[in-house]
Amino acid sequence: MSVRVRPARPDDSSFIELLGLATALDTVSPVRTVSQRAAEAAFHRLLAFCNDRAGTVSLVAERAETPAGFLIMLTDVPDEVTQERQAFVAYVAVREADRGHGVGRALMRAAMAEGRKRDLPFISLMVSAGNASARALYESEHFMNERVLMSRPLESLGPRR
């Protein structure tokens, strides 16, 4: 069964919201304890932020004419060092039943094509260290680590001396 990627339509909004909420915990760091409710609130904030930007691209992937996943990309994000405009993948989600069928890869390739079409020099994203399948996909598409965010809980340091 092939995967088709298209621009999101207004009638996709409930699919995007429901799948985003269902996958919200997948985006959380394995270092932090986060409730489903907090992860959902973070997704709603991200969605509102992206929807308010003129440079947002939303894509939907379909299998058998049924939505299987979505990607939201910002195209007006400056690199923090060079200030050069770049594409930034803000969120990718694939329905559990459609994982392993090329949906995520099709979405990423469509996002890269859109970035090239807009003459953007780079595409970036962030991924939870615990999301091994997503990290493997991005690495297979030649994404590289540029920066690594390292964290640790302070409570485990023990008493101060």
N, C-alpha and C. Protein backbone atom coordinates (compact mmCIF):
# COMPACT_ATOMS: atom_id res chain seq x y z
N MET A 1 0.85 -1.17 0.00
CA MET A 1 0.00 0.00 0.00
C MET A 1 0.90 1.24 0.00
N SER A 2 0.68 2.13 -0.93
CA SER A 2 1.54 3.30 -1.04
C SER A 2 1.09 4.41 -0.09
N VAL A 3 2.02 5.33 0.14
CA VAL A 3 1.78 6.48 1.00
C VAL A 3 1.75 7.72 0.12
N ARG A 4 0.75 8.53 0.32
CA ARG A 4 0.63 9.80 -0.41
C ARG A 4 0.68 10.93 0.61
N VAL A 5 1.51 11.95 0.34
CA VAL A 5 1.60 13.11 1.23
C VAL A 5 1.01 14.30 0.51
N ARG A 6 0.21 15.05 1.23
CA ARG A 6 -0.45 16.23 0.66
C ARG A 6 -0.47 17.34 1.72
N PRO A 7 -0.70 18.58 1.27
CA PRO A 7 -0.87 19.66 2.26
C PRO A 7 -2.09 19.38 3.13
N ALA A 8 -1.98 19.73 4.39
CA ALA A 8 -3.13 19.57 5.29
C ALA A 8 -4.25 20.51 4.85
N ARG A 9 -5.47 20.04 5.04
CA ARG A 9 -6.67 20.84 4.73
C ARG A 9 -7.36 21.21 6.04
N PRO A 10 -8.24 22.20 6.01
CA PRO A 10 -8.96 22.55 7.24
C PRO A 10 -9.68 21.36 7.88
N ASP A 11 -10.19 20.44 7.06
CA ASP A 11 -10.91 19.29 7.64
C ASP A 11 -9.97 18.25 8.27
N ASP A 12 -8.65 18.48 8.20
CA ASP A 12 -7.68 17.60 8.87
C ASP A 12 -7.41 18.02 10.31
N SER A 13 -7.95 19.15 10.72
CA SER A 13 -7.58 19.70 12.04
C SER A 13 -7.90 18.75 13.18
N SER A 14 -9.03 18.06 13.14
CA SER A 14 -9.35 17.15 14.24
C SER A 14 -8.42 15.93 14.22
N PHE A 15 -8.07 15.42 13.03
CA PHE A 15 -7.12 14.31 12.94
C PHE A 15 -5.78 14.72 13.53
N ILE A 16 -5.30 15.90 13.16
CA ILE A 16 -4.00 16.38 13.65
C ILE A 16 -4.04 16.54 15.17
N GLU A 17 -5.10 17.13 15.67
CA GLU A 17 -5.19 17.33 17.12
C GLU A 17 -5.25 15.99 17.87
N LEU A 18 -6.10 15.09 17.41
CA LEU A 18 -6.25 13.80 18.11
C LEU A 18 -4.97 12.97 18.06
N LEU A 19 -4.32 12.91 16.90
CA LEU A 19 -3.08 12.14 16.81
C LEU A 19 -1.97 12.83 17.59
N GLY A 20 -1.93 14.15 17.55
CA GLY A 20 -0.93 14.87 18.33
C GLY A 20 -1.08 14.61 19.81
N LEU A 21 -2.31 14.61 20.29
CA LEU A 21 -2.56 14.33 21.71
C LEU A 21 -2.19 12.89 22.06
N ALA A 22 -2.50 11.97 21.15
CA ALA A 22 -2.21 10.55 21.39
C ALA A 22 -0.71 10.27 21.43
N THR A 23 0.08 11.08 20.74
CA THR A 23 1.53 10.84 20.67
C THR A 23 2.33 11.83 21.51
N ALA A 24 1.66 12.68 22.25
CA ALA A 24 2.35 13.74 23.00
C ALA A 24 3.41 13.21 23.95
N LEU A 25 3.14 12.12 24.63
CA LEU A 25 4.14 11.57 25.57
C LEU A 25 5.37 11.03 24.86
N ASP A 26 5.25 10.69 23.57
CA ASP A 26 6.41 10.19 22.81
C ASP A 26 7.48 11.26 22.65
N THR A 27 7.11 12.52 22.81
CA THR A 27 8.05 13.63 22.61
C THR A 27 8.78 14.02 23.87
N VAL A 28 8.42 13.41 24.99
CA VAL A 28 8.96 13.82 26.28
C VAL A 28 10.30 13.16 26.55
N SER A 29 11.18 13.89 27.19
CA SER A 29 12.48 13.38 27.58
C SER A 29 12.35 12.20 28.53
N PRO A 30 13.19 11.18 28.38
CA PRO A 30 13.14 10.07 29.33
C PRO A 30 13.67 10.46 30.72
N VAL A 31 14.29 11.62 30.83
CA VAL A 31 14.84 12.09 32.10
C VAL A 31 13.75 12.69 32.99
N ARG A 32 12.70 13.21 32.38
CA ARG A 32 11.68 13.96 33.12
C ARG A 32 10.40 13.15 33.26
N THR A 33 9.78 13.28 34.40
CA THR A 33 8.48 12.67 34.62
C THR A 33 7.41 13.68 34.22
N VAL A 34 6.63 13.34 33.22
CA VAL A 34 5.60 14.25 32.71
C VAL A 34 4.30 13.48 32.60
N SER A 35 3.22 14.10 33.03
CA SER A 35 1.91 13.47 32.93
C SER A 35 1.37 13.59 31.51
N GLN A 36 0.42 12.74 31.18
CA GLN A 36 -0.25 12.83 29.88
C GLN A 36 -0.86 14.21 29.71
N ARG A 37 -1.46 14.72 30.77
CA ARG A 37 -2.12 16.03 30.72
C ARG A 37 -1.11 17.15 30.39
N ALA A 38 0.05 17.12 31.02
CA ALA A 38 1.08 18.13 30.75
C ALA A 38 1.61 18.01 29.33
N ALA A 39 1.79 16.78 28.85
CA ALA A 39 2.26 16.56 27.47
C ALA A 39 1.22 17.07 26.47
N GLU A 40 -0.05 16.83 26.76
CA GLU A 40 -1.12 17.33 25.89
C GLU A 40 -1.16 18.85 25.89
N ALA A 41 -0.98 19.47 27.04
CA ALA A 41 -0.96 20.94 27.11
C ALA A 41 0.20 21.49 26.30
N ALA A 42 1.35 20.83 26.36
CA ALA A 42 2.51 21.26 25.57
C ALA A 42 2.21 21.14 24.08
N PHE A 43 1.53 20.07 23.67
CA PHE A 43 1.17 19.93 22.26
C PHE A 43 0.23 21.06 21.83
N HIS A 44 -0.76 21.38 22.66
CA HIS A 44 -1.68 22.47 22.33
C HIS A 44 -0.94 23.80 22.19
N ARG A 45 0.04 24.06 23.07
CA ARG A 45 0.82 25.30 22.96
C ARG A 45 1.62 25.32 21.66
N LEU A 46 2.24 24.18 21.33
CA LEU A 46 3.01 24.10 20.09
C LEU A 46 2.12 24.31 18.88
N LEU A 47 0.96 23.68 18.87
CA LEU A 47 0.03 23.81 17.75
C LEU A 47 -0.41 25.26 17.58
N ALA A 48 -0.73 25.94 18.68
CA ALA A 48 -1.14 27.34 18.62
C ALA A 48 0.01 28.20 18.09
N PHE A 49 1.22 27.96 18.57
CA PHE A 49 2.39 28.71 18.11
C PHE A 49 2.59 28.53 16.61
N CYS A 50 2.54 27.29 16.14
CA CYS A 50 2.74 27.01 14.71
C CYS A 50 1.62 27.60 13.86
N ASN A 51 0.39 27.50 14.33
CA ASN A 51 -0.74 28.01 13.56
C ASN A 51 -0.72 29.52 13.43
N ASP A 52 -0.02 30.21 14.33
CA ASP A 52 0.06 31.67 14.29
C ASP A 52 1.17 32.18 13.39
N ARG A 53 1.96 31.31 12.82
CA ARG A 53 3.10 31.72 12.00
C ARG A 53 2.77 31.57 10.51
N ALA A 54 3.17 32.58 9.75
CA ALA A 54 2.91 32.56 8.31
C ALA A 54 3.72 31.49 7.59
N GLY A 55 4.88 31.13 8.13
CA GLY A 55 5.75 30.18 7.45
C GLY A 55 5.53 28.73 7.83
N THR A 56 4.38 28.41 8.39
CA THR A 56 4.11 27.03 8.81
C THR A 56 3.59 26.20 7.64
N VAL A 57 4.16 25.02 7.50
CA VAL A 57 3.71 24.05 6.49
C VAL A 57 3.20 22.83 7.24
N SER A 58 1.98 22.43 6.97
CA SER A 58 1.41 21.23 7.59
C SER A 58 1.11 20.22 6.49
N LEU A 59 1.59 19.01 6.69
CA LEU A 59 1.42 17.94 5.71
C LEU A 59 0.69 16.77 6.35
N VAL A 60 -0.08 16.07 5.54
CA VAL A 60 -0.78 14.86 6.00
C VAL A 60 -0.39 13.73 5.06
N ALA A 61 -0.06 12.59 5.65
CA ALA A 61 0.22 11.38 4.86
C ALA A 61 -1.00 10.49 4.91
N GLU A 62 -1.32 9.89 3.78
CA GLU A 62 -2.47 8.98 3.69
C GLU A 62 -2.01 7.61 3.20
N ARG A 63 -2.65 6.60 3.75
CA ARG A 63 -2.55 5.23 3.23
C ARG A 63 -3.97 4.81 2.93
N ALA A 64 -4.20 4.30 1.73
CA ALA A 64 -5.55 3.89 1.30
C ALA A 64 -6.55 5.03 1.52
N GLU A 65 -6.12 6.24 1.18
CA GLU A 65 -6.96 7.44 1.27
C GLU A 65 -7.43 7.76 2.69
N THR A 66 -6.73 7.22 3.68
CA THR A 66 -7.05 7.47 5.09
C THR A 66 -5.85 8.15 5.74
N PRO A 67 -6.06 9.25 6.47
CA PRO A 67 -4.93 9.90 7.14
C PRO A 67 -4.18 8.93 8.05
N ALA A 68 -2.86 8.92 7.90
CA ALA A 68 -2.02 7.99 8.66
C ALA A 68 -1.00 8.73 9.53
N GLY A 69 -0.72 9.97 9.19
CA GLY A 69 0.26 10.74 9.95
C GLY A 69 0.28 12.18 9.50
N PHE A 70 0.98 13.00 10.26
CA PHE A 70 1.10 14.41 9.88
C PHE A 70 2.47 14.94 10.29
N LEU A 71 2.84 16.05 9.69
CA LEU A 71 4.08 16.75 10.00
C LEU A 71 3.78 18.24 9.98
N ILE A 72 4.33 18.95 10.94
CA ILE A 72 4.23 20.41 10.99
C ILE A 72 5.64 20.96 10.93
N MET A 73 5.89 21.86 9.99
CA MET A 73 7.22 22.42 9.78
C MET A 73 7.15 23.94 9.72
N LEU A 74 8.09 24.58 10.38
CA LEU A 74 8.24 26.03 10.29
C LEU A 74 9.29 26.32 9.24
N THR A 75 9.05 27.33 8.42
CA THR A 75 10.01 27.66 7.36
C THR A 75 10.61 29.05 7.54
N ASP A 76 10.37 29.64 8.69
CA ASP A 76 10.86 31.00 8.93
C ASP A 76 11.69 31.08 10.21
N VAL A 77 12.35 29.99 10.56
CA VAL A 77 13.12 29.93 11.80
C VAL A 77 14.58 30.25 11.50
N PRO A 78 15.14 31.27 12.14
CA PRO A 78 16.56 31.55 11.91
C PRO A 78 17.44 30.63 12.76
N ASP A 79 18.56 30.23 12.19
CA ASP A 79 19.56 29.49 12.96
C ASP A 79 20.04 30.41 14.08
N GLU A 80 20.22 29.86 15.27
CA GLU A 80 20.57 30.71 16.40
C GLU A 80 21.96 31.31 16.30
N VAL A 81 22.85 30.74 15.52
CA VAL A 81 24.20 31.29 15.37
C VAL A 81 24.30 32.15 14.11
N THR A 82 23.95 31.57 12.96
CA THR A 82 24.13 32.27 11.68
C THR A 82 22.97 33.20 11.33
N GLN A 83 21.84 33.00 11.98
CA GLN A 83 20.60 33.74 11.69
C GLN A 83 20.06 33.46 10.29
N GLU A 84 20.60 32.45 9.62
CA GLU A 84 20.13 32.04 8.30
C GLU A 84 18.80 31.31 8.46
N ARG A 85 17.82 31.66 7.61
CA ARG A 85 16.52 30.98 7.65
C ARG A 85 16.70 29.51 7.36
N GLN A 86 15.93 28.69 8.05
CA GLN A 86 15.99 27.25 7.84
C GLN A 86 14.62 26.66 8.08
N ALA A 87 14.46 25.41 7.69
CA ALA A 87 13.23 24.68 7.99
C ALA A 87 13.41 24.00 9.35
N PHE A 88 12.35 23.95 10.12
CA PHE A 88 12.39 23.27 11.41
C PHE A 88 11.14 22.42 11.55
N VAL A 89 11.33 21.11 11.68
CA VAL A 89 10.21 20.19 11.85
C VAL A 89 9.79 20.27 13.31
N ALA A 90 8.62 20.83 13.54
CA ALA A 90 8.13 21.05 14.90
C ALA A 90 7.45 19.81 15.47
N TYR A 91 6.82 19.00 14.62
CA TYR A 91 6.10 17.82 15.12
C TYR A 91 5.87 16.84 13.98
N VAL A 92 6.09 15.58 14.28
CA VAL A 92 5.77 14.49 13.35
C VAL A 92 5.04 13.43 14.16
N ALA A 93 3.95 12.91 13.61
CA ALA A 93 3.22 11.84 14.29
C ALA A 93 2.68 10.88 13.25
N VAL A 94 2.74 9.60 13.59
CA VAL A 94 2.20 8.55 12.73
C VAL A 94 1.31 7.66 13.59
N ARG A 95 0.13 7.35 13.05
CA ARG A 95 -0.77 6.44 13.78
C ARG A 95 -0.05 5.13 14.05
N GLU A 96 -0.27 4.58 15.22
CA GLU A 96 0.41 3.35 15.61
C GLU A 96 0.21 2.24 14.57
N ALA A 97 -0.99 2.10 14.04
CA ALA A 97 -1.29 1.05 13.06
C ALA A 97 -0.53 1.24 11.75
N ASP A 98 -0.06 2.46 11.49
CA ASP A 98 0.61 2.76 10.23
C ASP A 98 2.13 2.85 10.37
N ARG A 99 2.64 2.65 11.57
CA ARG A 99 4.09 2.71 11.77
C ARG A 99 4.75 1.51 11.11
N GLY A 100 5.93 1.76 10.56
CA GLY A 100 6.66 0.69 9.88
C GLY A 100 6.25 0.51 8.43
N HIS A 101 5.42 1.41 7.91
CA HIS A 101 4.95 1.31 6.52
C HIS A 101 5.42 2.49 5.66
N GLY A 102 6.43 3.22 6.12
CA GLY A 102 7.00 4.30 5.32
C GLY A 102 6.30 5.64 5.45
N VAL A 103 5.38 5.77 6.39
CA VAL A 103 4.63 7.02 6.55
C VAL A 103 5.54 8.14 7.05
N GLY A 104 6.30 7.87 8.11
CA GLY A 104 7.22 8.88 8.64
C GLY A 104 8.26 9.29 7.62
N ARG A 105 8.80 8.31 6.91
CA ARG A 105 9.80 8.60 5.87
C ARG A 105 9.20 9.46 4.76
N ALA A 106 7.99 9.14 4.33
CA ALA A 106 7.34 9.93 3.27
C ALA A 106 7.11 11.36 3.74
N LEU A 107 6.69 11.53 4.98
CA LEU A 107 6.49 12.88 5.52
C LEU A 107 7.80 13.65 5.57
N MET A 108 8.86 13.01 6.05
CA MET A 108 10.16 13.68 6.13
C MET A 108 10.68 14.06 4.74
N ARG A 109 10.52 13.17 3.78
CA ARG A 109 11.00 13.48 2.43
C ARG A 109 10.18 14.61 1.80
N ALA A 110 8.89 14.64 2.07
CA ALA A 110 8.06 15.74 1.57
C ALA A 110 8.46 17.05 2.23
N ALA A 111 8.79 17.01 3.51
CA ALA A 111 9.24 18.22 4.21
C ALA A 111 10.56 18.71 3.63
N MET A 112 11.48 17.79 3.36
CA MET A 112 12.77 18.18 2.76
C MET A 112 12.56 18.78 1.37
N ALA A 113 11.66 18.20 0.59
CA ALA A 113 11.37 18.73 -0.74
C ALA A 113 10.79 20.14 -0.64
N GLU A 114 9.91 20.35 0.33
CA GLU A 114 9.33 21.69 0.53
C GLU A 114 10.41 22.69 0.95
N GLY A 115 11.32 22.28 1.81
CA GLY A 115 12.42 23.16 2.20
C GLY A 115 13.30 23.53 1.02
N ARG A 116 13.60 22.54 0.17
CA ARG A 116 14.40 22.82 -1.04
C ARG A 116 13.67 23.78 -1.96
N LYS A 117 12.37 23.56 -2.13
CA LYS A 117 11.56 24.42 -2.99
C LYS A 117 11.61 25.88 -2.51
N ARG A 118 11.75 26.07 -1.22
CA ARG A 118 11.81 27.41 -0.64
C ARG A 118 13.25 27.92 -0.52
N ASP A 119 14.20 27.20 -1.11
CA ASP A 119 15.62 27.56 -1.08
C ASP A 119 16.18 27.68 0.34
N LEU A 120 15.71 26.84 1.23
CA LEU A 120 16.24 26.84 2.59
C LEU A 120 17.46 25.93 2.64
N PRO A 121 18.53 26.35 3.29
CA PRO A 121 19.77 25.57 3.25
C PRO A 121 19.79 24.36 4.19
N PHE A 122 18.98 24.38 5.25
CA PHE A 122 18.98 23.30 6.23
C PHE A 122 17.58 22.98 6.69
N ILE A 123 17.43 21.76 7.18
CA ILE A 123 16.21 21.36 7.88
C ILE A 123 16.67 20.73 9.19
N SER A 124 16.03 21.13 10.27
CA SER A 124 16.41 20.66 11.60
C SER A 124 15.18 20.13 12.32
N LEU A 125 15.44 19.41 13.38
CA LEU A 125 14.36 18.92 14.26
C LEU A 125 14.96 18.54 15.59
N MET A 126 14.11 18.34 16.56
CA MET A 126 14.53 17.80 17.85
C MET A 126 13.76 16.50 18.06
N VAL A 127 14.40 15.56 18.72
CA VAL A 127 13.77 14.26 18.97
C VAL A 127 14.15 13.82 20.37
N SER A 128 13.23 13.21 21.06
CA SER A 128 13.50 12.69 22.39
C SER A 128 14.57 11.60 22.31
N ALA A 129 15.50 11.64 23.24
CA ALA A 129 16.57 10.63 23.27
C ALA A 129 16.00 9.22 23.40
N GLY A 130 14.82 9.10 23.98
CA GLY A 130 14.21 7.79 24.17
C GLY A 130 13.41 7.27 22.99
N ASN A 131 13.27 8.07 21.94
CA ASN A 131 12.47 7.68 20.79
C ASN A 131 13.37 7.04 19.73
N ALA A 132 13.76 5.80 19.98
CA ALA A 132 14.75 5.11 19.14
C ALA A 132 14.29 4.95 17.69
N SER A 133 13.02 4.65 17.47
CA SER A 133 12.57 4.44 16.09
C SER A 133 12.62 5.74 15.29
N ALA A 134 12.24 6.85 15.90
CA ALA A 134 12.31 8.14 15.21
C ALA A 134 13.77 8.52 14.95
N ARG A 135 14.62 8.33 15.94
CA ARG A 135 16.04 8.65 15.75
C ARG A 135 16.63 7.82 14.62
N ALA A 136 16.27 6.55 14.53
CA ALA A 136 16.78 5.68 13.46
C ALA A 136 16.30 6.19 12.10
N LEU A 137 15.04 6.60 12.02
CA LEU A 137 14.52 7.15 10.76
C LEU A 137 15.31 8.38 10.35
N TYR A 138 15.49 9.33 11.28
CA TYR A 138 16.18 10.58 10.94
C TYR A 138 17.63 10.31 10.53
N GLU A 139 18.29 9.41 11.25
CA GLU A 139 19.67 9.07 10.89
C GLU A 139 19.73 8.42 9.51
N SER A 140 18.75 7.59 9.17
CA SER A 140 18.74 6.96 7.84
C SER A 140 18.49 7.98 6.74
N GLU A 141 17.91 9.12 7.10
CA GLU A 141 17.70 10.22 6.15
C GLU A 141 18.83 11.26 6.24
N HIS A 142 19.93 10.86 6.87
CA HIS A 142 21.18 11.65 6.95
C HIS A 142 21.09 12.88 7.85
N PHE A 143 20.20 12.87 8.82
CA PHE A 143 20.21 13.91 9.84
C PHE A 143 21.38 13.58 10.78
N MET A 144 22.03 14.63 11.28
CA MET A 144 23.19 14.46 12.16
C MET A 144 22.98 15.24 13.44
N ASN A 145 23.60 14.77 14.51
CA ASN A 145 23.58 15.53 15.76
C ASN A 145 24.39 16.80 15.57
N GLU A 146 23.79 17.94 15.86
CA GLU A 146 24.51 19.21 15.84
C GLU A 146 24.82 19.67 17.26
N ARG A 147 23.85 19.54 18.11
CA ARG A 147 23.98 19.91 19.51
C ARG A 147 23.33 18.79 20.31
N VAL A 148 23.80 18.59 21.50
CA VAL A 148 23.19 17.59 22.37
C VAL A 148 22.81 18.28 23.67
N LEU A 149 21.55 18.21 24.02
CA LEU A 149 21.06 18.75 25.29
C LEU A 149 21.23 17.67 26.34
N MET A 150 21.99 17.97 27.37
CA MET A 150 22.22 16.99 28.44
C MET A 150 21.53 17.50 29.70
N SER A 151 20.83 16.61 30.38
CA SER A 151 20.07 16.97 31.58
C SER A 151 20.27 15.92 32.65
N ARG A 152 20.00 16.32 33.89
CA ARG A 152 19.96 15.37 34.99
C ARG A 152 19.09 15.96 36.08
N PRO A 153 18.43 15.11 36.84
CA PRO A 153 17.63 15.62 37.95
C PRO A 153 18.55 16.10 39.07
N LEU A 154 18.26 17.26 39.62
CA LEU A 154 19.09 17.80 40.69
C LEU A 154 18.83 17.12 42.03
N GLU A 155 17.64 16.58 42.20
CA GLU A 155 17.32 15.96 43.49
C GLU A 155 18.20 14.75 43.77
N SER A 156 18.77 14.14 42.77
CA SER A 156 19.59 12.95 42.98
C SER A 156 21.02 13.29 43.39
N LEU A 157 21.32 14.57 43.50
CA LEU A 157 22.68 14.96 43.89
C LEU A 157 22.94 14.75 45.38
N GLY A 158 21.90 14.56 46.16
CA GLY A 158 22.07 14.37 47.59
C GLY A 158 22.19 15.69 48.32
N PRO A 159 22.43 15.64 49.62
CA PRO A 159 22.49 16.88 50.41
C PRO A 159 23.71 17.72 50.04
N ARG A 160 23.53 19.04 50.18
CA ARG A 160 24.64 19.97 49.95
C ARG A 160 25.60 19.92 51.12
N ARG A 161 26.84 20.15 50.84
CA ARG A 161 27.84 20.19 51.92
C ARG A 161 28.26 21.59 52.18
